[in-house]
Amino acid sequence: MKLYVGNLPYQITENDLRSFFSEFGDVSEVFIPMDNYSGQARGFAFVTMDSRSSMLEAIKKADGKELHGRPLKVNEAKPQEKRGGDFRGGGNHRGKRDNYRGRR
């Protein structure tokens, strides 16, 4: 069962989150997305708990609790939505110029 954990300090580590959430049950995975440009954490993470009961307890007890001086926002992670449209490569729209300009 996957949790979304928001409002994290940028210096947070996987070990910090693993030890914090292990209070509520077994933690099977911690994922901290990193910014591609700066290389630092993006301020949120996903924590996977071993059971639904552990996840619900973590939400109940950790939401609003401070970690490194910041109140956490903890809730059930939503499934990732499909991004973007139908991209079929770059280019300059050759062969579709009329459609590109709004003509049909």
Foldseek 3Di string as FASTA:
>chain_A
DKKKKFQADQPDDPVLVQVVLCVLAHWDDKAFDADPPPRIGPGMIMIDHPDPNSLVVCQVPQQQDDDPRTGMHMDHDDDDDDDDDDDDDDDDCPPCVCVVVVHD
